[in-house]
N, C-alpha and C. Protein backbone atom coordinates (compact mmCIF):
# COMPACT_ATOMS: atom_id res chain seq x y z
N MET A 1 0.82 -1.21 0.00
CA MET A 1 0.00 0.00 0.00
C MET A 1 0.86 1.26 0.00
N MET A 2 2.12 1.12 0.20
CA MET A 2 3.00 2.27 0.27
C MET A 2 3.09 2.94 -1.10
N GLY A 3 2.88 4.29 -1.16
CA GLY A 3 2.98 5.03 -2.41
C GLY A 3 1.71 5.02 -3.25
N LYS A 4 0.66 4.36 -2.78
CA LYS A 4 -0.60 4.32 -3.53
C LYS A 4 -1.67 5.07 -2.73
N PRO A 5 -2.57 5.79 -3.40
CA PRO A 5 -3.62 6.51 -2.67
C PRO A 5 -4.56 5.53 -1.97
N SER A 6 -4.99 5.90 -0.77
CA SER A 6 -5.90 5.04 -0.02
C SER A 6 -7.35 5.25 -0.43
N MET A 7 -7.63 6.42 -1.08
CA MET A 7 -9.01 6.70 -1.49
C MET A 7 -8.99 7.65 -2.68
N VAL A 8 -9.89 7.49 -3.59
CA VAL A 8 -10.00 8.36 -4.77
C VAL A 8 -11.44 8.88 -4.82
N SER A 9 -11.58 10.23 -4.99
CA SER A 9 -12.90 10.84 -5.15
C SER A 9 -12.93 11.59 -6.48
N ARG A 10 -14.05 11.52 -7.15
CA ARG A 10 -14.22 12.25 -8.40
C ARG A 10 -15.43 13.17 -8.24
N LEU A 11 -15.23 14.41 -8.65
CA LEU A 11 -16.30 15.41 -8.57
C LEU A 11 -16.59 15.93 -9.97
N HIS A 12 -17.86 16.18 -10.22
CA HIS A 12 -18.26 16.77 -11.49
C HIS A 12 -18.92 18.11 -11.17
N VAL A 13 -18.26 19.23 -11.56
CA VAL A 13 -18.77 20.58 -11.27
C VAL A 13 -19.74 20.97 -12.37
N GLN A 14 -20.93 21.39 -11.96
CA GLN A 14 -21.94 21.80 -12.94
C GLN A 14 -22.07 23.31 -13.02
N ASP A 15 -21.74 24.01 -11.93
CA ASP A 15 -21.89 25.47 -11.92
C ASP A 15 -20.85 26.06 -10.97
N ILE A 16 -20.27 27.18 -11.37
CA ILE A 16 -19.30 27.85 -10.51
C ILE A 16 -19.51 29.36 -10.65
N SER A 17 -19.31 30.07 -9.55
CA SER A 17 -19.49 31.52 -9.56
C SER A 17 -18.23 32.16 -8.97
N VAL A 18 -17.68 33.14 -9.70
CA VAL A 18 -16.46 33.82 -9.26
C VAL A 18 -16.74 35.32 -9.16
N ASN A 19 -16.13 35.96 -8.19
CA ASN A 19 -16.27 37.41 -8.00
C ASN A 19 -17.72 37.82 -7.79
N ASP A 20 -18.45 37.04 -7.06
CA ASP A 20 -19.85 37.36 -6.77
C ASP A 20 -19.91 38.15 -5.46
N VAL A 21 -19.20 39.29 -5.42
CA VAL A 21 -19.13 40.12 -4.22
C VAL A 21 -19.55 41.53 -4.59
N LEU A 22 -20.29 42.17 -3.72
CA LEU A 22 -20.72 43.55 -3.98
C LEU A 22 -19.52 44.50 -3.96
N SER A 23 -19.48 45.43 -4.88
CA SER A 23 -18.39 46.42 -4.95
C SER A 23 -18.39 47.33 -3.73
N SER A 24 -19.55 47.51 -3.11
CA SER A 24 -19.63 48.42 -1.96
C SER A 24 -18.79 47.92 -0.78
N ILE A 25 -18.47 46.64 -0.74
CA ILE A 25 -17.62 46.12 0.34
C ILE A 25 -16.23 46.73 0.27
N PHE A 26 -15.77 47.05 -0.94
CA PHE A 26 -14.42 47.56 -1.14
C PHE A 26 -14.38 49.09 -1.23
N THR A 27 -15.50 49.76 -1.04
CA THR A 27 -15.55 51.21 -1.14
C THR A 27 -15.26 51.81 0.23
N LEU A 28 -14.21 52.63 0.29
CA LEU A 28 -13.86 53.30 1.54
C LEU A 28 -14.54 54.65 1.59
N SER A 29 -15.02 54.98 2.75
CA SER A 29 -15.66 56.28 2.91
C SER A 29 -15.06 56.94 4.14
N PHE A 30 -14.42 58.09 3.93
CA PHE A 30 -13.76 58.81 5.01
C PHE A 30 -14.59 60.04 5.38
N PRO A 31 -14.57 60.42 6.65
CA PRO A 31 -15.31 61.62 7.05
C PRO A 31 -14.65 62.88 6.47
N PRO A 32 -15.42 63.94 6.25
CA PRO A 32 -14.85 65.19 5.74
C PRO A 32 -13.73 65.69 6.66
N GLY A 33 -12.68 66.23 6.03
CA GLY A 33 -11.54 66.73 6.78
C GLY A 33 -10.41 65.73 6.93
N THR A 34 -10.63 64.47 6.50
CA THR A 34 -9.58 63.46 6.59
C THR A 34 -8.50 63.74 5.56
N MET A 35 -7.24 63.75 5.99
CA MET A 35 -6.14 63.95 5.06
C MET A 35 -5.84 62.64 4.36
N VAL A 36 -5.72 62.69 3.03
CA VAL A 36 -5.45 61.51 2.22
C VAL A 36 -4.08 61.67 1.57
N ASP A 37 -3.24 60.66 1.73
CA ASP A 37 -1.93 60.61 1.08
C ASP A 37 -2.08 59.61 -0.06
N ASP A 38 -2.41 60.09 -1.24
CA ASP A 38 -2.70 59.26 -2.39
C ASP A 38 -1.40 58.97 -3.13
N ARG A 39 -0.84 57.77 -2.94
CA ARG A 39 0.44 57.43 -3.56
C ARG A 39 0.30 57.08 -5.04
N ILE A 40 -0.91 56.78 -5.51
CA ILE A 40 -1.11 56.50 -6.93
C ILE A 40 -1.10 57.81 -7.72
N ARG A 41 -1.86 58.80 -7.25
CA ARG A 41 -1.88 60.11 -7.91
C ARG A 41 -0.72 61.00 -7.47
N GLU A 42 0.00 60.56 -6.42
CA GLU A 42 1.10 61.31 -5.82
C GLU A 42 0.64 62.70 -5.39
N LYS A 43 -0.46 62.73 -4.64
CA LYS A 43 -1.02 63.98 -4.14
C LYS A 43 -1.48 63.80 -2.71
N VAL A 44 -1.57 64.93 -2.03
CA VAL A 44 -2.14 64.97 -0.69
C VAL A 44 -3.34 65.91 -0.77
N TYR A 45 -4.47 65.47 -0.25
CA TYR A 45 -5.65 66.32 -0.25
C TYR A 45 -6.52 65.96 0.96
N TYR A 46 -7.51 66.79 1.21
CA TYR A 46 -8.45 66.56 2.31
C TYR A 46 -9.81 66.20 1.74
N ILE A 47 -10.47 65.25 2.39
CA ILE A 47 -11.82 64.86 1.97
C ILE A 47 -12.74 66.05 2.21
N PRO A 48 -13.46 66.50 1.15
CA PRO A 48 -14.32 67.68 1.30
C PRO A 48 -15.70 67.30 1.85
N GLU A 49 -16.47 68.33 2.16
CA GLU A 49 -17.88 68.13 2.50
C GLU A 49 -18.61 67.81 1.20
N GLY A 50 -19.25 66.68 1.10
CA GLY A 50 -20.01 66.32 -0.10
C GLY A 50 -19.15 65.67 -1.16
N ILE A 51 -19.58 64.52 -1.64
CA ILE A 51 -18.83 63.74 -2.63
C ILE A 51 -18.69 64.48 -3.96
N GLU A 52 -19.61 65.39 -4.23
CA GLU A 52 -19.55 66.14 -5.49
C GLU A 52 -18.33 67.07 -5.55
N ASN A 53 -17.73 67.36 -4.42
CA ASN A 53 -16.54 68.23 -4.37
C ASN A 53 -15.22 67.45 -4.36
N LEU A 54 -15.29 66.13 -4.44
CA LEU A 54 -14.09 65.31 -4.31
C LEU A 54 -13.11 65.52 -5.47
N ASP A 55 -13.62 65.56 -6.70
CA ASP A 55 -12.71 65.76 -7.85
C ASP A 55 -11.97 67.08 -7.74
N ARG A 56 -12.67 68.12 -7.30
CA ARG A 56 -12.02 69.43 -7.16
C ARG A 56 -10.97 69.39 -6.06
N ALA A 57 -11.25 68.66 -4.96
CA ALA A 57 -10.28 68.55 -3.87
C ALA A 57 -9.03 67.81 -4.33
N ILE A 58 -9.21 66.75 -5.12
CA ILE A 58 -8.07 65.97 -5.61
C ILE A 58 -7.23 66.81 -6.57
N SER A 59 -7.90 67.50 -7.50
CA SER A 59 -7.15 68.29 -8.48
C SER A 59 -6.42 69.45 -7.82
N GLY A 60 -6.93 69.95 -6.72
CA GLY A 60 -6.28 71.06 -6.02
C GLY A 60 -5.32 70.59 -4.94
N GLY A 61 -5.13 69.28 -4.82
CA GLY A 61 -4.24 68.75 -3.79
C GLY A 61 -2.79 69.08 -4.04
N ARG A 62 -1.99 68.99 -3.02
CA ARG A 62 -0.56 69.28 -3.13
C ARG A 62 0.15 68.08 -3.74
N ILE A 63 0.96 68.31 -4.76
CA ILE A 63 1.69 67.23 -5.43
C ILE A 63 2.91 66.89 -4.59
N LEU A 64 3.10 65.60 -4.36
CA LEU A 64 4.25 65.12 -3.58
C LEU A 64 5.47 64.96 -4.47
N LYS A 65 6.61 65.28 -3.93
CA LYS A 65 7.86 64.98 -4.63
C LYS A 65 8.17 63.51 -4.42
N THR A 66 8.95 62.91 -5.29
CA THR A 66 9.30 61.50 -5.16
C THR A 66 9.97 61.25 -3.82
N GLY A 67 9.45 60.30 -3.08
CA GLY A 67 10.02 59.93 -1.78
C GLY A 67 9.65 60.87 -0.65
N GLU A 68 8.83 61.89 -0.90
CA GLU A 68 8.46 62.84 0.14
C GLU A 68 7.54 62.18 1.15
N SER A 69 7.72 62.53 2.40
CA SER A 69 6.88 62.01 3.47
C SER A 69 6.02 63.13 4.03
N LEU A 70 4.82 62.78 4.42
CA LEU A 70 3.95 63.79 5.02
C LEU A 70 4.37 64.11 6.45
N ILE A 71 4.99 63.18 7.09
CA ILE A 71 5.42 63.38 8.47
C ILE A 71 6.82 63.96 8.45
N ASP A 72 6.95 65.20 8.88
CA ASP A 72 8.26 65.85 8.89
C ASP A 72 9.13 65.24 9.97
N PRO A 73 10.41 65.02 9.68
CA PRO A 73 11.30 64.52 10.71
C PRO A 73 11.47 65.57 11.81
N PRO A 74 11.75 65.13 13.04
CA PRO A 74 11.91 66.09 14.12
C PRO A 74 13.11 67.00 13.86
N SER A 75 13.00 68.23 14.32
CA SER A 75 14.11 69.17 14.16
C SER A 75 15.24 68.77 15.09
N ARG A 76 16.41 69.36 14.87
CA ARG A 76 17.56 69.04 15.73
C ARG A 76 17.28 69.43 17.18
N GLY A 77 16.57 70.52 17.37
CA GLY A 77 16.22 70.95 18.73
C GLY A 77 15.32 69.94 19.43
N GLU A 78 14.32 69.44 18.69
CA GLU A 78 13.43 68.43 19.27
C GLU A 78 14.19 67.16 19.59
N MET A 79 15.13 66.78 18.71
CA MET A 79 15.91 65.58 18.96
C MET A 79 16.76 65.76 20.22
N ARG A 80 17.34 66.96 20.41
CA ARG A 80 18.15 67.23 21.60
C ARG A 80 17.29 67.15 22.86
N ILE A 81 16.07 67.71 22.78
CA ILE A 81 15.17 67.68 23.95
C ILE A 81 14.82 66.24 24.29
N ASN A 82 14.46 65.43 23.28
CA ASN A 82 14.12 64.03 23.53
C ASN A 82 15.32 63.27 24.07
N HIS A 83 16.51 63.55 23.53
CA HIS A 83 17.71 62.90 24.03
C HIS A 83 17.95 63.31 25.48
N HIS A 84 17.75 64.59 25.77
CA HIS A 84 17.94 65.09 27.14
C HIS A 84 16.97 64.40 28.10
N ARG A 85 15.71 64.25 27.67
CA ARG A 85 14.72 63.59 28.53
C ARG A 85 15.10 62.14 28.81
N SER A 86 15.56 61.44 27.79
CA SER A 86 15.93 60.04 28.01
C SER A 86 17.16 59.95 28.91
N ALA A 87 18.09 60.91 28.80
CA ALA A 87 19.26 60.92 29.67
C ALA A 87 18.84 61.17 31.11
N VAL A 88 17.90 62.06 31.33
CA VAL A 88 17.41 62.35 32.68
C VAL A 88 16.77 61.10 33.28
N VAL A 89 16.01 60.38 32.49
CA VAL A 89 15.37 59.15 32.98
C VAL A 89 16.45 58.15 33.41
N TRP A 90 17.50 57.99 32.60
CA TRP A 90 18.58 57.07 32.96
C TRP A 90 19.29 57.53 34.23
N TYR A 91 19.56 58.83 34.35
CA TYR A 91 20.23 59.33 35.56
C TYR A 91 19.39 59.06 36.80
N LEU A 92 18.09 59.30 36.70
CA LEU A 92 17.20 59.05 37.84
C LEU A 92 17.15 57.56 38.19
N LEU A 93 17.15 56.72 37.19
CA LEU A 93 17.14 55.28 37.43
C LEU A 93 18.42 54.84 38.15
N ILE A 94 19.56 55.33 37.68
CA ILE A 94 20.84 54.99 38.31
C ILE A 94 20.89 55.53 39.74
N LEU A 95 20.40 56.75 39.94
CA LEU A 95 20.38 57.34 41.28
C LEU A 95 19.51 56.51 42.23
N ASN A 96 18.34 56.09 41.77
CA ASN A 96 17.45 55.28 42.61
C ASN A 96 18.08 53.94 42.96
N ILE A 97 18.72 53.30 41.99
CA ILE A 97 19.38 52.02 42.26
C ILE A 97 20.52 52.21 43.25
N SER A 98 21.27 53.30 43.10
CA SER A 98 22.37 53.58 44.03
C SER A 98 21.85 53.80 45.44
N LEU A 99 20.79 54.57 45.57
CA LEU A 99 20.21 54.81 46.90
C LEU A 99 19.69 53.52 47.51
N LEU A 100 19.08 52.69 46.73
CA LEU A 100 18.60 51.40 47.22
C LEU A 100 19.77 50.54 47.70
N PHE A 101 20.87 50.56 46.97
CA PHE A 101 22.06 49.81 47.35
C PHE A 101 22.63 50.33 48.67
N VAL A 102 22.69 51.65 48.85
CA VAL A 102 23.19 52.25 50.10
C VAL A 102 22.29 51.85 51.27
N VAL A 103 20.99 51.92 51.10
CA VAL A 103 20.06 51.54 52.17
C VAL A 103 20.25 50.07 52.52
N LEU A 104 20.43 49.22 51.54
CA LEU A 104 20.65 47.80 51.77
C LEU A 104 21.95 47.58 52.55
N LEU A 105 23.02 48.28 52.17
CA LEU A 105 24.29 48.17 52.91
C LEU A 105 24.14 48.63 54.36
N LEU A 106 23.45 49.73 54.57
CA LEU A 106 23.23 50.21 55.94
C LEU A 106 22.44 49.20 56.76
N PHE A 107 21.46 48.60 56.17
CA PHE A 107 20.65 47.60 56.86
C PHE A 107 21.50 46.39 57.25
N VAL A 108 22.32 45.90 56.31
CA VAL A 108 23.19 44.76 56.59
C VAL A 108 24.22 45.13 57.65
N PHE A 109 24.82 46.32 57.53
CA PHE A 109 25.80 46.78 58.50
C PHE A 109 25.18 46.85 59.90
N LYS A 110 24.00 47.40 60.00
CA LYS A 110 23.33 47.54 61.30
C LYS A 110 23.06 46.18 61.92
N ARG A 111 22.57 45.25 61.15
CA ARG A 111 22.25 43.92 61.68
C ARG A 111 23.51 43.15 62.08
N ARG A 112 24.54 43.26 61.25
CA ARG A 112 25.73 42.47 61.48
C ARG A 112 26.61 43.02 62.61
N PHE A 113 26.91 44.32 62.55
CA PHE A 113 27.86 44.87 63.49
C PHE A 113 27.21 45.44 64.75
N LEU A 114 26.13 46.13 64.59
CA LEU A 114 25.49 46.70 65.79
C LEU A 114 24.68 45.65 66.53
N GLY A 115 24.16 44.67 65.81
CA GLY A 115 23.40 43.60 66.46
C GLY A 115 24.29 42.69 67.27
N SER A 116 25.53 42.49 66.86
CA SER A 116 26.44 41.59 67.58
C SER A 116 26.98 42.23 68.86
N ARG A 117 27.02 43.54 68.95
CA ARG A 117 27.50 44.23 70.16
C ARG A 117 26.53 44.09 71.30
N GLY A 118 25.27 44.13 70.99
CA GLY A 118 24.25 44.12 72.04
C GLY A 118 24.07 42.75 72.64
N GLY A 119 24.47 41.69 71.99
CA GLY A 119 24.10 40.38 72.45
C GLY A 119 25.17 39.60 72.97
């Protein structure tokens, strides 16, 4: 039986339907004021009030340069501020760990050396 099928089924198709889906399922509808970054038309525009104004909004949209991003990179000043904030967080973390270590040493010192004198 090795290498031979254990069962064979034969089907006879009489009818088949393809792409029997409503187009409305694939239609996106955005609220007015939504910014659209259209990479096919290479434009940026805002969804207008009323669908009848959409063509005018698209034609008046800002044309993107090749590779242009809508999100501007942070300025050098903003990067310095963010770097400064992360450095402050690290300094505070190291300070807290150091203080915890000192408190632990004092606790051990007190139990070991001061506790042995009294007893």
